[in-house]
Structures are given as structure tokens and as C-alpha cells.
Amino acid sequence: MSAMSRWRELPWSRWRRQAAAVARLELRKCFLGRRLVAVYFLTLGPLLLMALAAVIRILHGRPANPVHMARGIAVFMDVFMLRVCVFFGCAAIFTNIFRGEVLEKTLHYYFLAPVRREVLVAGKFLAGLTAAVLFFTLSVGGCYVLHHLPLGAAGLARHFGSGPGLAHLAGYLAVTVLACLGYGAVFTLFGLLFRNPMVPALGLLGWESINFLLPPLLKKISVVHYLQSLLPVAVDRGPLAVLVEPTPPVLAVAGLVVLAVVVLAVAAWRIRRMEVAYAAD
């Protein structure tokens, strides 16, 4: 029997149903719980800041220049939303999908169930990804609209009607989804490998933060490089930045998807060799 035939005979349908069942079971945990207070703060905080900035601009009657506003929201999305809110939000959600079970001494219930551990990883990751995408696309979309409120009703109609508003908004939402995918996969693995996953998470944050200083080859060993290549409006990195051609959009998306698949495959390999030892925690 060929390898292709054996591949087709695997019980993919049953595994999909099991992964979906695990995801449905985990979704509640991804939206509720004390550990998610930080996620709600990282989601609602930017909206409050943008609303306050919009009110101040409107009350002071400052002129709203669409070009300046496009640059402003690009910097906000790149520096604050992606590098802070989405990064730490994904860390809070995905490191806990397994680490939280260990701390609560409930992971063994999943291990006793007749479900392959790879399917368990897929289901838990799907639940975390659904929650992260919902949290941060709503936050990013709300921030984008609030940022452009000073344009007024007529300006908003032009911006989203005949202007680049809808295209830019769709671009920022797509980048947010890919950020949740890439960072989510990495933090899922961290939650399985490390007793305190926030330590390697801070190391990853440092690497992502100095990405603009790295030589071209090292820039590509990061998530943020591919996300920046997909931003609708390019951001000036400053005089110290090492200039490099942005990765073409197709390759950037493919690179992030491949990264997520490879990292999740490593996570599946790790969980197959994992033994529950609550006493060590």
C-alpha cells in the first residue's frame, strides 16, 4: 500500500469532529476567567485611548488631514497594537490553554479521554485562535473607525466610500488575524515547553522589538517582519533601521502559515511525550 493510500485511510473525519468538540468545550475558558482580565484590558484600552483622542481633536477643532491620519493609524497599529496588545494578548490566551490546565490540575482528564493528543492540540489552538481573532479584530476595527471620526460625517463617507478606508481597514484586520495565528502557535508551544512561559515570551518580545536593527537574513526569523510587510501603509523605522525590501504579500502570508503549522507540529510532538506531574508545579 502506498503512502498516499495510507494517508487517505486515516480517520480524518473523526479527528475533525473531535477537534471541533474540544474547541467548543474550550471556547468558554478562552472568554472567561481571571487570567483573561489582561486580555480585556488590552482589547478595551486602545478603544478608550482612541475615543479620548478623537473627542479631544473634535472639541479643539483641529483640522483632520487624511494623509496624516493614515500615517498616524499605521504607526499606532504597528508599534502599539501588534507589538503590545496583540502580542501580550496572545501570550495570555495561548500559554494558558495547556499551562492553565496544569495549574488547575485538570489536564489529566483530557489525557484519559479517547482523543489523540495531536487532535487535542488542534482543538485547543482553534479555540484560542477564535477568541484572539474576535477580541483583536473588534479592537482594531473600532480603533480605526474612532481614529477617523474627526473627519466628520462627510469625510468618513468619502474615506470609506471613494477613498482607501475600506481597503486599509481590511488590510489591518487581515494583519491582525495573521498576528494571532503566528503568535498563537508560538505561545502554544511555549505553554507546553516551559514552566513559566512568560520568560521566553519576554525574550521573543525583545527579539521582535529590535527587528528593525537586524541584518536582512535575521529579520526574516521573526513574526513581525512578515506582518510589517503586509501593513497597508508603510511605517518609517527611523535613521538607525537596516533597510530591506518587504516580503511580497503572498510569501509573507505563506511564511506565517507555514510557521504556525511547523510550530504546532512541534507542539503535537511535545504533548505526545508529555506526562502529567502536578507535584512539580
Protein backbone atom coordinates (compact mmCIF):
# COMPACT_ATOMS: atom_id res chain seq x y z
CA MET A 1 0.00 0.00 0.00
CA SER A 2 1.39 3.40 -0.97
CA ALA A 3 1.96 6.21 1.49
CA MET A 4 -0.80 8.23 -0.22
CA SER A 5 -3.29 5.41 0.26
CA ARG A 6 -2.42 5.08 3.95
CA TRP A 7 -2.76 8.88 4.30
CA ARG A 8 -6.25 8.80 2.78
CA GLU A 9 -7.37 5.94 5.02
CA LEU A 10 -6.62 7.84 8.22
CA PRO A 11 -9.79 8.76 10.16
CA TRP A 12 -9.69 12.44 9.25
CA SER A 13 -13.45 12.88 9.65
CA ARG A 14 -13.42 11.58 13.22
CA TRP A 15 -10.40 13.70 14.11
CA ARG A 16 -12.11 16.82 12.74
CA ARG A 17 -15.22 16.13 14.82
CA GLN A 18 -13.13 15.56 17.93
CA ALA A 19 -11.09 18.73 17.37
CA ALA A 20 -14.31 20.71 16.89
CA ALA A 21 -15.74 19.22 20.10
CA VAL A 22 -12.61 20.17 22.06
CA ALA A 23 -12.72 23.69 20.57
CA ARG A 24 -16.36 24.16 21.61
CA LEU A 25 -15.52 22.96 25.11
CA GLU A 26 -12.54 25.30 25.36
CA LEU A 27 -14.19 28.44 23.97
CA ARG A 28 -15.81 29.30 27.31
CA LYS A 29 -12.42 29.17 29.03
CA CYS A 30 -10.99 31.49 26.36
CA PHE A 31 -13.57 34.19 27.10
CA LEU A 32 -14.00 33.88 30.86
CA GLY A 33 -11.63 33.57 33.81
CA ARG A 34 -9.34 35.62 35.97
CA ARG A 35 -6.37 35.07 33.67
CA LEU A 36 -8.22 36.87 30.86
CA VAL A 37 -8.52 40.19 32.70
CA ALA A 38 -5.34 41.33 30.96
CA VAL A 39 -6.82 40.37 27.58
CA TYR A 40 -9.90 42.51 28.15
CA PHE A 41 -7.67 45.38 29.24
CA LEU A 42 -5.52 45.03 26.10
CA THR A 43 -8.67 44.92 23.97
CA LEU A 44 -10.64 47.77 25.52
CA GLY A 45 -7.69 50.01 26.44
CA PRO A 46 -6.83 51.00 22.84
CA LEU A 47 -10.51 51.74 22.14
CA LEU A 48 -10.70 54.08 25.12
CA LEU A 49 -7.47 55.83 24.08
CA MET A 50 -8.70 56.30 20.53
CA ALA A 51 -12.09 57.55 21.69
CA LEU A 52 -10.44 60.06 24.02
CA ALA A 53 -8.07 61.26 21.29
CA ALA A 54 -10.98 61.65 18.84
CA VAL A 55 -13.04 63.66 21.34
CA ILE A 56 -10.12 65.97 22.07
CA ARG A 57 -9.47 66.60 18.38
CA ILE A 58 -13.15 67.27 17.72
CA LEU A 59 -13.56 69.62 20.71
CA HIS A 60 -10.41 71.56 19.85
CA GLY A 61 -11.45 71.78 16.20
CA ARG A 62 -8.10 70.59 14.93
CA PRO A 63 -8.04 70.07 11.15
CA ALA A 64 -8.17 66.43 10.10
CA ASN A 65 -5.73 65.68 7.30
CA PRO A 66 -6.48 62.23 5.78
CA VAL A 67 -2.82 61.69 4.83
CA HIS A 68 -1.58 62.48 8.35
CA MET A 69 -4.33 60.34 9.83
CA ALA A 70 -3.35 57.38 7.64
CA ARG A 71 0.24 57.66 8.86
CA GLY A 72 -0.89 58.02 12.45
CA ILE A 73 -3.04 54.91 12.45
CA ALA A 74 -0.26 52.96 10.71
CA VAL A 75 2.21 53.84 13.50
CA PHE A 76 -0.43 53.05 16.14
CA MET A 77 -1.16 49.64 14.63
CA ASP A 78 2.49 48.73 14.14
CA VAL A 79 4.00 50.00 17.40
CA PHE A 80 1.15 49.64 19.88
CA MET A 81 -1.47 47.18 18.63
CA LEU A 82 0.76 44.50 17.08
CA ARG A 83 3.81 44.76 19.35
CA VAL A 84 1.97 45.29 22.64
CA CYS A 85 -1.75 44.49 22.63
CA VAL A 86 -1.90 41.56 20.22
CA PHE A 87 1.46 40.17 21.40
CA PHE A 88 0.65 40.13 25.12
CA GLY A 89 -2.99 39.25 24.49
CA CYS A 90 -1.97 36.14 22.56
CA ALA A 91 0.56 35.33 25.27
CA ALA A 92 -2.19 35.44 27.89
CA ILE A 93 -4.61 33.32 25.84
CA PHE A 94 -2.38 30.69 24.28
CA THR A 95 0.15 29.99 27.04
CA ASN A 96 -2.77 29.16 29.31
CA ILE A 97 -4.59 26.69 27.07
CA PHE A 98 -2.30 23.95 28.41
CA ARG A 99 -0.43 25.65 31.24
CA GLY A 100 -3.71 26.69 32.85
CA GLU A 101 -4.87 23.06 32.83
CA VAL A 102 -1.67 22.01 34.59
CA LEU A 103 -2.04 24.70 37.26
CA GLU A 104 -5.68 23.75 37.82
CA LYS A 105 -4.76 20.03 37.83
CA THR A 106 -7.31 19.15 35.14
CA LEU A 107 -5.13 18.21 32.16
CA HIS A 108 -5.22 14.51 33.03
CA TYR A 109 -8.94 14.40 32.22
CA TYR A 110 -8.13 15.19 28.60
CA PHE A 111 -5.31 12.65 28.59
CA LEU A 112 -7.72 9.95 29.82
CA ALA A 113 -10.21 10.68 27.03
CA PRO A 114 -10.05 8.57 23.82
CA VAL A 115 -8.68 11.51 21.81
CA ARG A 116 -5.30 11.69 20.14
CA ARG A 117 -3.12 14.32 21.72
CA GLU A 118 -2.44 15.93 18.35
CA VAL A 119 -6.21 16.39 17.98
CA LEU A 120 -6.27 17.93 21.46
CA VAL A 121 -3.62 20.48 20.41
CA ALA A 122 -5.59 21.31 17.28
CA GLY A 123 -8.87 21.78 19.16
CA LYS A 124 -7.39 23.90 21.93
CA PHE A 125 -5.47 26.04 19.45
CA LEU A 126 -8.59 26.55 17.34
CA ALA A 127 -10.50 27.76 20.40
CA GLY A 128 -7.70 30.15 21.37
CA LEU A 129 -7.40 31.43 17.81
CA THR A 130 -11.15 32.06 17.59
CA ALA A 131 -11.10 34.05 20.82
CA ALA A 132 -7.96 36.03 19.93
CA VAL A 133 -9.23 36.90 16.44
CA LEU A 134 -12.58 38.03 17.83
CA PHE A 135 -11.01 40.13 20.59
CA PHE A 136 -8.43 41.91 18.49
CA THR A 137 -10.22 42.34 15.17
CA LEU A 138 -13.03 44.09 17.06
CA SER A 139 -10.45 46.24 18.84
CA VAL A 140 -8.52 47.06 15.65
CA GLY A 141 -11.68 47.79 13.66
CA GLY A 142 -13.05 50.01 16.42
CA CYS A 143 -9.76 51.89 16.76
CA TYR A 144 -9.61 52.50 13.02
CA VAL A 145 -13.12 53.99 12.92
CA LEU A 146 -12.61 56.07 16.08
CA HIS A 147 -9.32 57.44 14.75
CA HIS A 148 -11.10 58.79 11.68
CA LEU A 149 -14.09 60.31 13.48
CA PRO A 150 -12.59 63.83 13.33
CA LEU A 151 -13.08 63.69 9.55
CA GLY A 152 -16.79 64.25 10.18
CA ALA A 153 -19.73 62.53 8.52
CA ALA A 154 -18.89 63.77 5.03
CA GLY A 155 -15.19 62.96 5.44
CA LEU A 156 -15.96 59.47 6.71
CA ALA A 157 -18.26 58.84 3.76
CA ARG A 158 -15.52 59.88 1.33
CA HIS A 159 -12.84 57.93 3.19
CA PHE A 160 -14.79 54.68 3.26
CA GLY A 161 -16.68 55.24 0.01
CA SER A 162 -14.36 56.57 -2.67
CA GLY A 163 -11.20 56.68 -0.55
CA PRO A 164 -8.84 53.94 0.73
CA GLY A 165 -10.70 53.45 4.02
CA LEU A 166 -12.23 50.04 3.41
CA ALA A 167 -9.08 48.64 1.78
CA HIS A 168 -6.89 49.88 4.64
CA LEU A 169 -9.30 48.57 7.26
CA ALA A 170 -9.42 45.15 5.58
CA GLY A 171 -5.61 45.13 5.46
CA TYR A 172 -5.26 45.90 9.17
CA LEU A 173 -7.83 43.24 10.06
CA ALA A 174 -6.03 40.66 7.92
CA VAL A 175 -2.69 41.51 9.56
CA THR A 176 -4.34 41.14 12.98
CA VAL A 177 -5.67 37.68 12.10
CA LEU A 178 -2.23 36.58 10.87
CA ALA A 179 -0.60 38.00 14.01
CA CYS A 180 -2.96 35.94 16.17
CA LEU A 181 -2.12 32.87 14.06
CA GLY A 182 1.67 33.31 14.26
CA TYR A 183 1.98 34.43 17.85
CA GLY A 184 -0.72 31.99 18.95
CA ALA A 185 1.19 28.99 17.60
CA VAL A 186 4.44 30.14 19.23
CA PHE A 187 2.82 30.77 22.61
CA THR A 188 1.00 27.43 22.49
CA LEU A 189 4.40 25.75 22.19
CA PHE A 190 5.83 27.92 24.99
CA GLY A 191 3.00 26.80 27.26
CA LEU A 192 3.96 23.18 26.67
CA LEU A 193 7.74 23.59 26.92
CA PHE A 194 8.22 25.96 29.84
CA ARG A 195 7.02 26.04 33.43
CA ASN A 196 6.98 29.85 33.26
CA PRO A 197 6.24 30.68 29.60
CA MET A 198 6.36 34.44 30.18
CA VAL A 199 10.17 34.30 30.44
CA PRO A 200 10.67 33.09 26.83
CA ALA A 201 7.78 35.36 25.81
CA LEU A 202 9.75 38.38 27.04
CA GLY A 203 12.77 37.09 25.13
CA LEU A 204 10.64 36.88 21.98
CA LEU A 205 9.38 40.41 22.62
CA GLY A 206 12.96 41.65 22.79
CA TRP A 207 13.82 39.92 19.51
CA GLU A 208 10.74 41.33 17.79
CA SER A 209 11.46 44.82 19.18
CA ILE A 210 14.98 45.00 17.73
CA ASN A 211 13.92 43.56 14.39
CA PHE A 212 14.44 46.92 12.62
CA LEU A 213 18.14 46.83 13.64
CA LEU A 214 18.84 43.29 12.44
CA PRO A 215 20.52 42.38 9.14
CA PRO A 216 18.16 41.23 6.35
CA LEU A 217 18.66 37.49 6.94
CA LEU A 218 17.89 37.69 10.67
CA LYS A 219 14.89 39.95 10.09
CA LYS A 220 13.15 37.03 8.41
CA ILE A 221 13.41 34.91 11.58
CA SER A 222 10.55 36.76 13.22
CA VAL A 223 6.81 37.17 13.05
CA VAL A 224 6.74 40.96 12.99
CA HIS A 225 8.82 41.22 9.80
CA TYR A 226 6.14 39.44 7.77
CA LEU A 227 3.34 41.38 9.49
CA GLN A 228 5.02 44.70 8.66
CA SER A 229 5.32 43.61 5.02
CA LEU A 230 1.51 43.35 4.93
CA LEU A 231 0.63 46.69 6.54
CA PRO A 232 -1.43 48.87 4.15
CA VAL A 233 0.70 51.94 4.96
CA ALA A 234 4.47 51.64 5.41
CA VAL A 235 5.94 52.99 8.65
CA ASP A 236 9.24 54.87 8.86
CA ARG A 237 11.62 52.85 11.08
CA GLY A 238 13.96 55.75 11.79
CA PRO A 239 17.54 56.54 10.78
CA LEU A 240 19.04 53.53 12.56
CA ALA A 241 16.88 50.96 10.81
CA VAL A 242 18.52 48.49 8.44
CA LEU A 243 16.62 48.85 5.17
CA VAL A 244 15.35 45.70 3.49
CA GLU A 245 12.82 45.03 0.77
CA PRO A 246 9.45 43.98 2.24
CA THR A 247 8.47 40.38 1.66
CA PRO A 248 5.86 40.06 -1.13
CA PRO A 249 2.36 39.64 0.36
CA VAL A 250 1.87 36.10 -0.96
CA LEU A 251 5.18 34.95 0.53
CA ALA A 252 4.51 36.81 3.79
CA VAL A 253 1.14 35.09 4.26
CA ALA A 254 2.57 31.72 3.24
CA GLY A 255 5.51 32.19 5.61
CA LEU A 256 3.26 32.90 8.59
CA VAL A 257 1.00 29.94 7.80
CA VAL A 258 3.98 27.59 7.40
CA LEU A 259 5.46 28.90 10.67
CA ALA A 260 2.20 28.19 12.51
CA VAL A 261 1.94 24.67 11.04
CA VAL A 262 5.55 23.79 11.88
CA VAL A 263 5.34 25.16 15.43
CA LEU A 264 2.04 23.35 16.08
CA ALA A 265 3.61 20.14 14.73
CA VAL A 266 6.39 20.54 17.31
CA ALA A 267 3.76 21.18 19.98
CA ALA A 268 1.95 17.98 18.94
CA TRP A 269 5.24 16.06 19.13
CA ARG A 270 5.91 17.51 22.59
CA ILE A 271 2.49 16.66 24.01
CA ARG A 272 2.76 13.04 22.87
CA ARG A 273 5.76 12.71 25.20
CA MET A 274 4.28 14.78 27.99
CA GLU A 275 3.48 13.24 31.37
CA VAL A 276 1.29 14.95 33.93
CA ALA A 277 3.28 15.74 37.08
CA TYR A 278 1.24 18.19 39.12
CA ALA A 279 3.52 17.83 42.16
CA ALA A 280 6.32 19.56 40.23
CA ASP A 281 4.14 22.67 39.86
